[in-house]
Amino acid sequence: MRTSAASPPDKLDRLLAQIAIGDADALHLLYKSTSSKLFAFALRILTKHELAEEALQETYVSVWHSASTYQPHMAAPMTWLATIVRNKAHDIHRRSRPEEVDAEMFESDVMNAVEENQAGPLDALESRRDAHALARCMERLEKLHRQAIGMAFYHDMSHSEVAEQLSLPIGTVKTWIRRGMEKLKACLTKPELS
């Protein structure tokens, strides 16, 4: 059976449902259908082939173990898979350079990768719109609040790790992240004025 690089979401939904019940052939088909785009996404974030390959491998292992948690009403299949890749890339990035934390640079790399991760014209438009909206809202936050959120979500760091990196009390970091997330939510849900 020949698979295309741009598989329709309903086909990917079916494959994920089959993987959830332990169908290894479905995992193979999912890999054939999505691996090139997900590898490119991982490579944009990590910039090294061997690290991107590691992120991709960890992604499909994670999919095998957690396909039953996929909720189609929450995200499109490629969005869910790209989120797993992004999280694995963050983990690998942290492991490969734990002493270096440049939240702003890493945030920029991730946002660029999200913008370039195009499954199709409509997905690309939606992803680009979402990425621009998020970037615009992130710019409205105070620099340290933006950095704390970036470290917590892009680097997948705990609040205590963020507090340690920024040399701040954990309560301050928690407050900044909570308030920042509230501001982001308000910004993202506000209807655009034309």
Foldseek 3Di string as FASTA:
>chain_A
DDEALQDDLVLLLVLLVCLVVPDVVSLVVNCVRHVVLQLLLLCLLQVDNVLSVVLSVVLSVVSSVCSVVDDCVVDGSVVVSNLSSQQSSLVSVCVVCVPDDDLVVSVVSNLVSQQPSDSDDVSNVVSVVVSVLLVVLLVPADPLLSSLLSCCPNNVDDLVVSCVVVVHDSVVSVVSPVVSVVSSVCSVPDDDDD
